[in-house]
Amino acid sequence: MAGRIIAALRAIIATIADVLFLPFRVFARLLGLSHRGRPGASRRDTD
């Protein structure tokens, strides 16, 4: 019984964590690409 409850709680927490961290990952990726990026990568693409 306890194992079933713990499994359900872990699934709920994992889902909430994914929903919360997804926009953070997207923003971090956008900020990383816009500010840092790979040196010379964007220049090669523009050429």
Protein backbone atom coordinates (compact mmCIF):
# COMPACT_ATOMS: atom_id res chain seq x y z
CA MET A 1 0.00 0.00 0.00
CA ALA A 2 2.72 2.43 1.00
CA GLY A 3 4.75 1.54 -2.09
CA ARG A 4 1.79 2.36 -4.32
CA ILE A 5 1.31 5.74 -2.64
CA ILE A 6 5.03 6.53 -2.90
CA ALA A 7 5.05 5.56 -6.58
CA ALA A 8 2.07 7.84 -7.24
CA LEU A 9 3.70 10.73 -5.39
CA ARG A 10 6.95 10.23 -7.30
CA ALA A 11 5.05 10.27 -10.61
CA ILE A 12 3.22 13.47 -9.65
CA ILE A 13 6.43 15.16 -8.50
CA ALA A 14 8.22 14.12 -11.69
CA THR A 15 5.41 15.55 -13.82
CA ILE A 16 5.36 18.84 -11.90
CA ALA A 17 9.15 19.07 -12.11
CA ASP A 18 9.06 18.54 -15.89
CA VAL A 19 6.41 21.24 -16.32
CA LEU A 20 8.33 23.68 -14.13
CA PHE A 21 11.76 23.03 -15.60
CA LEU A 22 10.71 22.93 -19.26
CA PRO A 23 10.34 26.73 -19.70
CA PHE A 24 13.53 27.22 -17.65
CA ARG A 25 15.41 24.96 -20.07
CA VAL A 26 13.97 26.80 -23.06
CA PHE A 27 14.89 30.22 -21.65
CA ALA A 28 18.36 29.01 -20.65
CA ARG A 29 18.89 27.63 -24.15
CA LEU A 30 17.68 30.84 -25.80
CA LEU A 31 19.83 33.00 -23.53
CA GLY A 32 22.81 30.74 -24.06
CA LEU A 33 22.46 30.86 -27.84
CA SER A 34 21.84 34.61 -28.00
CA HIS A 35 24.56 35.72 -25.57
CA ARG A 36 27.23 33.03 -25.52
CA GLY A 37 26.74 30.55 -28.33
CA ARG A 38 29.70 28.79 -29.92
CA PRO A 39 32.53 31.10 -31.01
CA GLY A 40 32.34 31.39 -34.80
CA ALA A 41 29.29 29.12 -35.14
CA SER A 42 26.88 31.94 -35.99
CA ARG A 43 29.43 33.52 -38.31
CA ARG A 44 29.77 30.28 -40.26
CA ASP A 45 26.01 30.04 -40.58
CA THR A 46 25.74 33.58 -41.94
CA ASP A 47 28.38 32.85 -44.55
